[in-house]
């Protein structure tokens, strides 16, 4: 070691080559790297998954969620893709830069990414995904052979929704993906059932958090405005029509029109419960020009007409 005051220190470390200087108990004879596919195929009860690169074209089944698998090891990526495609649509990328382009263009439901990759690492990919308004709603699971706590924290700080160390258990990987997708689905279902949630309840990035809060506030401010429409919504939120659809769908499973209607019906129910306004007045208060159309929309949501609904709260 060489050290100079106020300048720093230099450490020189010499390591012996070969393994002759190790004892037998210090050598792991069957050591395998975390990317060795045999560690994963050996976990299969019926190892009929092919670990070689697949030439099968991507097929989009709208009934299935889409997973983007990001891994620079071709054989492992192919294995993971074939494992997951039994239940999901699967897209593949060999590095973070390629994956980000796919995420922007294809809007997958979840991303499973290795951390150590050429061109762009998984942690950098995760940060870009969570910081870009076009992709910030997409959950990310990071995979890495780095088991040290500091690297796990680095992954979580980049915005990762979950983390697995390599070599991972294939059943655990499938469960992590399933649970994250189920959580998203349950929030959408909760919203669809009329149970309003706040952005704090949702596992989203700060970008998505702010955008969701702004979207809800814009709609609530415009509930009485019968001229409020999708172009106005897009303009006020600062996104394109396509991006509005993607975001609202990701948060709630609603279309933008259904999203607006949801808040209007919730406000209408509150006004009817108060019993201070008649049906026509309530319809105008929630942005409807035609009371008959309002009644039809209300009945579709609550299963009964506004007049019958309001009578339940009259003294």
Protein backbone atom coordinates (compact mmCIF):
# COMPACT_ATOMS: atom_id res chain seq x y z
CA UNK A 1 0.00 0.00 0.00
CA UNK A 2 1.18 3.48 -0.84
CA UNK A 3 -0.42 6.46 0.85
CA UNK A 4 0.08 10.21 0.65
CA UNK A 5 -1.54 12.75 2.97
CA UNK A 6 -4.40 14.65 1.33
CA UNK A 7 -3.87 12.71 -1.91
CA UNK A 8 -5.17 9.20 -1.21
CA UNK A 9 -3.98 5.62 -1.06
CA UNK A 10 -3.03 2.99 -3.63
CA UNK A 11 -3.54 -0.71 -2.87
CA UNK A 12 -1.74 -3.42 -4.87
CA UNK A 13 -3.19 -6.93 -4.62
CA UNK A 14 -1.61 -10.03 -6.19
CA UNK A 15 -3.68 -13.15 -6.88
CA UNK A 16 -2.21 -16.53 -7.75
CA UNK A 17 -3.21 -18.16 -11.05
CA UNK A 18 -4.68 -21.63 -11.27
CA UNK A 19 -6.12 -23.71 -8.41
CA UNK A 20 -3.14 -25.73 -7.22
CA UNK A 21 -2.80 -23.56 -4.12
CA UNK A 22 -6.35 -24.40 -2.96
CA UNK A 23 -7.28 -27.41 -0.86
CA UNK A 24 -9.93 -29.85 -2.15
CA UNK A 25 -12.57 -28.58 0.27
CA UNK A 26 -12.06 -25.02 -1.04
CA UNK A 27 -12.94 -25.95 -4.62
CA UNK A 28 -16.54 -26.28 -5.81
CA UNK A 29 -16.24 -29.10 -8.31
CA UNK A 30 -19.70 -28.72 -9.81
CA UNK A 31 -19.77 -24.91 -9.89
CA UNK A 32 -22.04 -23.40 -12.51
CA UNK A 33 -22.56 -19.80 -13.55
CA UNK A 34 -25.99 -18.33 -12.84
CA UNK A 35 -26.70 -18.15 -16.60
CA UNK A 36 -26.15 -21.89 -17.07
CA UNK A 37 -29.51 -23.07 -18.43
CA UNK A 38 -29.10 -26.58 -16.96
CA UNK A 39 -29.71 -25.08 -13.52
CA UNK A 40 -33.22 -24.19 -14.68
CA UNK A 41 -34.06 -27.12 -16.95
CA UNK A 42 -33.15 -29.47 -14.07
CA UNK A 43 -35.98 -27.93 -12.06
CA UNK A 44 -38.59 -29.10 -14.56
CA UNK A 45 -40.55 -32.26 -13.84
CA UNK A 46 -40.99 -32.73 -17.57
CA UNK A 47 -37.98 -31.00 -19.17
CA UNK A 48 -39.47 -30.57 -22.62
CA UNK A 49 -38.65 -26.86 -22.88
CA UNK A 50 -35.97 -26.25 -25.52
CA UNK A 51 -33.12 -24.07 -24.28
CA UNK A 52 -31.97 -23.20 -27.78
CA UNK A 53 -33.01 -19.90 -29.43
CA UNK A 54 -36.59 -20.04 -30.68
CA UNK A 55 -37.56 -18.88 -34.15
CA UNK A 56 -41.30 -18.77 -33.37
CA UNK A 57 -42.82 -15.41 -34.25
CA UNK A 58 -44.56 -13.37 -31.58
CA UNK A 59 -48.29 -14.10 -31.45
CA UNK A 60 -50.47 -11.65 -29.55
CA UNK A 61 -53.41 -13.25 -27.75
CA UNK A 62 -55.53 -10.36 -26.45
CA UNK A 63 -56.86 -12.59 -23.66
CA UNK A 64 -53.33 -12.93 -22.22
CA UNK A 65 -51.03 -10.44 -20.51
CA UNK A 66 -47.75 -9.62 -22.27
CA UNK A 67 -44.35 -10.14 -20.64
CA UNK A 68 -41.15 -8.56 -21.98
CA UNK A 69 -38.13 -10.77 -21.14
CA UNK A 70 -34.77 -8.93 -21.21
CA UNK A 71 -31.66 -11.12 -21.01
CA UNK A 72 -28.38 -11.01 -22.95
CA UNK A 73 -27.74 -14.76 -22.63
CA UNK A 74 -29.63 -16.10 -25.65
CA UNK A 75 -30.18 -19.63 -24.33
CA UNK A 76 -31.45 -18.46 -20.94
CA UNK A 77 -33.66 -15.82 -22.56
CA UNK A 78 -35.15 -18.46 -24.87
CA UNK A 79 -35.77 -20.78 -21.92
CA UNK A 80 -37.51 -18.04 -19.90
CA UNK A 81 -39.59 -17.02 -22.91
CA UNK A 82 -40.76 -20.57 -23.53
CA UNK A 83 -41.47 -21.06 -19.83
CA UNK A 84 -43.64 -17.95 -19.64
CA UNK A 85 -45.35 -18.25 -23.01
CA UNK A 86 -47.44 -21.12 -21.65
CA UNK A 87 -49.56 -18.47 -19.90
CA UNK A 88 -48.52 -15.13 -21.44
CA UNK A 89 -47.64 -13.38 -24.66
CA UNK A 90 -43.85 -13.00 -24.59
CA UNK A 91 -41.59 -10.38 -26.18
CA UNK A 92 -37.79 -10.67 -26.05
CA UNK A 93 -34.87 -8.23 -25.92
CA UNK A 94 -31.10 -8.77 -25.60
CA UNK A 95 -30.24 -5.57 -23.71
CA UNK A 96 -31.81 -2.60 -21.96
CA UNK A 97 -31.67 -0.24 -24.93
CA UNK A 98 -33.50 -2.70 -27.17
CA UNK A 99 -35.99 -3.44 -24.39
CA UNK A 100 -36.85 0.22 -23.86
CA UNK A 101 -37.73 0.66 -27.54
CA UNK A 102 -39.96 -2.42 -27.39
CA UNK A 103 -41.62 -1.19 -24.19
CA UNK A 104 -42.47 2.17 -25.77
CA UNK A 105 -43.83 0.60 -28.97
CA UNK A 106 -45.58 -2.49 -27.55
CA UNK A 107 -46.65 -1.47 -24.02
CA UNK A 108 -46.11 -4.84 -22.27
CA UNK A 109 -47.96 -5.57 -19.01
CA UNK A 110 -44.74 -6.44 -17.14
CA UNK A 111 -40.97 -6.53 -17.74
CA UNK A 112 -38.61 -9.24 -16.41
CA UNK A 113 -35.02 -8.10 -16.86
CA UNK A 114 -31.49 -9.22 -16.10
CA UNK A 115 -29.33 -6.56 -14.43
CA UNK A 116 -25.84 -7.13 -15.86
CA UNK A 117 -26.10 -6.63 -19.64
CA UNK A 118 -24.15 -4.88 -22.40
CA UNK A 119 -25.26 -1.54 -23.91
CA UNK A 120 -27.71 -0.76 -21.08
CA UNK A 121 -27.92 -2.47 -17.67
CA UNK A 122 -31.20 -3.60 -16.15
CA UNK A 123 -31.11 -0.95 -13.41
CA UNK A 124 -30.70 1.81 -16.02
CA UNK A 125 -33.53 0.30 -18.07
CA UNK A 126 -35.73 0.24 -14.97
CA UNK A 127 -34.99 3.90 -14.23
CA UNK A 128 -35.84 4.89 -17.81
CA UNK A 129 -39.06 2.87 -17.73
CA UNK A 130 -40.20 4.50 -14.49
CA UNK A 131 -39.18 8.04 -15.50
CA UNK A 132 -40.81 8.05 -18.95
CA UNK A 133 -44.52 8.88 -18.97
CA UNK A 134 -45.08 6.43 -21.84
CA UNK A 135 -43.91 3.44 -19.78
CA UNK A 136 -43.95 4.47 -16.10
CA UNK A 137 -47.01 2.29 -15.35
CA UNK A 138 -45.23 -0.96 -16.31
CA UNK A 139 -44.04 -3.17 -13.38
CA UNK A 140 -40.41 -4.34 -13.54
CA UNK A 141 -38.87 -7.48 -12.01
CA UNK A 142 -35.05 -7.48 -11.92
CA UNK A 143 -32.94 -10.64 -12.03
CA UNK A 144 -29.24 -10.71 -11.13
CA UNK A 145 -26.47 -12.97 -9.95
CA UNK A 146 -25.35 -10.18 -7.65
CA UNK A 147 -26.72 -11.33 -4.31
CA UNK A 148 -25.17 -8.56 -2.21
CA UNK A 149 -27.69 -6.32 -0.41
CA UNK A 150 -26.17 -3.19 -1.94
CA UNK A 151 -27.06 -4.36 -5.47
CA UNK A 152 -30.55 -5.32 -4.40
CA UNK A 153 -31.03 -1.83 -2.96
CA UNK A 154 -29.67 -0.36 -6.19
CA UNK A 155 -32.31 -2.27 -8.12
CA UNK A 156 -35.13 -1.22 -5.82
CA UNK A 157 -33.95 2.41 -5.86
CA UNK A 158 -34.18 2.38 -9.65
CA UNK A 159 -37.90 1.75 -9.22
CA UNK A 160 -38.04 -2.05 -9.53
CA UNK A 161 -41.29 -3.58 -8.29
CA UNK A 162 -39.64 -6.89 -7.40
CA UNK A 163 -36.22 -8.53 -7.33
CA UNK A 164 -34.92 -12.09 -7.74
CA UNK A 165 -31.35 -13.38 -7.40
CA UNK A 166 -29.90 -15.81 -9.93
CA UNK A 167 -30.02 -18.75 -10.10
CA UNK A 168 -33.73 -18.32 -9.38
CA UNK A 169 -36.40 -20.92 -8.74
CA UNK A 170 -38.57 -21.09 -11.87
CA UNK A 171 -41.74 -21.55 -9.82
CA UNK A 172 -40.91 -18.45 -7.80
CA UNK A 173 -40.34 -16.45 -10.99
CA UNK A 174 -43.72 -17.49 -12.33
CA UNK A 175 -45.39 -16.66 -9.01
CA UNK A 176 -43.76 -13.21 -8.83
CA UNK A 177 -44.97 -12.40 -12.34
CA UNK A 178 -48.45 -13.77 -11.59
CA UNK A 179 -48.73 -11.84 -8.31
CA UNK A 180 -47.71 -8.51 -9.81
CA UNK A 181 -50.19 -8.92 -12.65
CA UNK A 182 -52.91 -10.04 -10.21
CA UNK A 183 -52.26 -6.97 -8.05
CA UNK A 184 -52.69 -4.69 -11.05
CA UNK A 185 -55.86 -6.54 -12.01
CA UNK A 186 -57.32 -6.27 -8.50
CA UNK A 187 -56.81 -2.49 -8.48
CA UNK A 188 -58.54 -2.19 -11.84
CA UNK A 189 -61.40 -4.33 -10.55
CA UNK A 190 -61.65 -2.22 -7.39
CA UNK A 191 -61.91 0.92 -9.47
CA UNK A 192 -64.45 -0.68 -11.80
CA UNK A 193 -66.62 -1.69 -8.84
CA UNK A 194 -66.87 1.93 -7.80
CA UNK A 195 -64.37 1.79 -4.95
CA UNK A 196 -62.21 4.84 -5.56
CA UNK A 197 -58.56 4.40 -4.69
CA UNK A 198 -55.79 6.96 -4.33
CA UNK A 199 -52.45 6.85 -6.15
CA UNK A 200 -50.86 5.98 -2.78
CA UNK A 201 -52.54 2.56 -2.97
CA UNK A 202 -50.97 1.80 -6.33
CA UNK A 203 -47.40 0.63 -6.91
CA UNK A 204 -46.48 3.29 -9.43
CA UNK A 205 -43.50 5.52 -10.11
CA UNK A 206 -43.50 9.16 -9.03
CA UNK A 207 -44.13 10.10 -12.67
CA UNK A 208 -47.22 7.91 -12.83
CA UNK A 209 -48.31 9.02 -9.36
CA UNK A 210 -48.33 12.68 -10.38
CA UNK A 211 -49.99 11.96 -13.71
CA UNK A 212 -52.75 9.93 -12.08
CA UNK A 213 -53.40 12.60 -9.46
CA UNK A 214 -53.54 15.25 -12.17
CA UNK A 215 -55.90 13.15 -14.33
CA UNK A 216 -58.31 12.58 -11.43
CA UNK A 217 -58.22 16.26 -10.49
CA UNK A 218 -58.91 17.36 -14.08
CA UNK A 219 -61.95 15.09 -14.33
CA UNK A 220 -63.29 16.11 -10.92
CA UNK A 221 -62.91 19.81 -11.79
CA UNK A 222 -64.84 19.24 -15.02
CA UNK A 223 -67.70 17.06 -13.76
CA UNK A 224 -70.30 19.85 -14.30
CA UNK A 225 -68.78 20.84 -17.66
CA UNK A 226 -70.93 19.34 -20.43
CA UNK A 227 -68.34 20.47 -23.00
CA UNK A 228 -65.54 18.47 -21.37
CA UNK A 229 -64.37 15.84 -23.88
CA UNK A 230 -61.39 13.65 -24.71
CA UNK A 231 -59.46 16.30 -26.71
CA UNK A 232 -59.83 18.70 -23.77
CA UNK A 233 -58.77 15.98 -21.34
CA UNK A 234 -55.66 15.26 -23.45
CA UNK A 235 -54.79 18.93 -23.69
CA UNK A 236 -55.18 19.58 -19.96
CA UNK A 237 -53.18 16.47 -19.02
CA UNK A 238 -50.51 17.16 -21.64
CA UNK A 239 -50.61 13.76 -23.39
CA UNK A 240 -51.73 12.41 -26.75
CA UNK A 241 -55.03 10.61 -27.26
CA UNK A 242 -53.15 7.30 -27.60
CA UNK A 243 -51.16 7.89 -24.42
CA UNK A 244 -54.30 8.88 -22.51
CA UNK A 245 -55.91 5.58 -23.51
CA UNK A 246 -52.81 3.58 -22.49
CA UNK A 247 -52.51 5.29 -19.10
CA UNK A 248 -56.18 5.18 -18.12
CA UNK A 249 -56.39 1.55 -19.24
CA UNK A 250 -53.31 0.68 -17.17
CA UNK A 251 -54.70 2.36 -14.04
CA UNK A 252 -58.34 1.32 -14.20
CA UNK A 253 -59.11 -0.92 -17.21
CA UNK A 254 -61.49 1.86 -18.35
CA UNK A 255 -61.43 3.76 -21.61
CA UNK A 256 -61.01 7.54 -21.11
CA UNK A 257 -64.76 8.07 -21.66
CA UNK A 258 -65.58 5.40 -19.07
CA UNK A 259 -63.07 7.01 -16.70
CA UNK A 260 -64.87 10.36 -16.96
CA UNK A 261 -68.27 8.68 -16.67
CA UNK A 262 -67.14 6.85 -13.54
CA UNK A 263 -66.48 10.08 -11.65
CA UNK A 264 -69.68 11.67 -12.91
CA UNK A 265 -71.76 8.73 -11.68
CA UNK A 266 -70.02 8.76 -8.30
CA UNK A 267 -70.79 12.47 -7.92
CA UNK A 268 -74.38 11.93 -9.07
CA UNK A 269 -74.89 9.22 -6.43
CA UNK A 270 -73.55 11.56 -3.75
CA UNK A 271 -75.94 14.34 -4.81
CA UNK A 272 -78.91 11.95 -4.92
CA UNK A 273 -78.08 10.72 -1.44
CA UNK A 274 -78.25 14.30 -0.13
CA UNK A 275 -81.77 14.65 -1.53
CA UNK A 276 -81.58 18.41 -2.07
CA UNK A 277 -81.82 18.34 -5.88
CA UNK A 278 -84.26 16.74 -8.31
CA UNK A 279 -83.13 14.31 -11.02
CA UNK A 280 -82.82 16.98 -13.74
CA UNK A 281 -80.77 19.26 -11.50
CA UNK A 282 -78.45 16.40 -10.59
CA UNK A 283 -77.98 15.52 -14.27
CA UNK A 284 -76.94 19.09 -15.09
CA UNK A 285 -74.60 19.16 -12.07
CA UNK A 286 -72.68 16.18 -13.42
CA UNK A 287 -72.34 17.37 -17.01
CA UNK A 288 -75.37 15.83 -18.73
CA UNK A 289 -77.53 17.94 -21.04
CA UNK A 290 -80.27 15.31 -21.29
CA UNK A 291 -81.79 14.04 -17.98
CA UNK A 292 -83.22 10.95 -19.73
CA UNK A 293 -79.78 9.95 -21.00
CA UNK A 294 -78.38 10.60 -17.53
CA UNK A 295 -80.97 8.26 -16.01
CA UNK A 296 -80.09 5.57 -18.53
CA UNK A 297 -76.36 5.85 -17.74
CA UNK A 298 -77.00 5.88 -13.99
CA UNK A 299 -79.17 2.78 -14.15
CA UNK A 300 -76.50 0.97 -16.15
CA UNK A 301 -73.97 1.60 -13.36
CA UNK A 302 -76.12 1.21 -10.24
CA UNK A 303 -78.78 -1.18 -11.50
CA UNK A 304 -81.67 1.15 -10.69
CA UNK A 305 -83.04 4.53 -11.77
CA UNK A 306 -81.90 7.74 -10.03
CA UNK A 307 -85.38 8.24 -8.53
CA UNK A 308 -85.45 4.77 -6.96
CA UNK A 309 -81.86 5.22 -5.74
CA UNK A 310 -82.61 8.59 -4.10
CA UNK A 311 -85.72 7.25 -2.31
CA UNK A 312 -83.51 4.90 -0.29
CA UNK A 313 -81.97 7.93 1.38
CA UNK A 314 -85.13 10.00 1.92
CA UNK A 315 -86.46 10.33 5.46
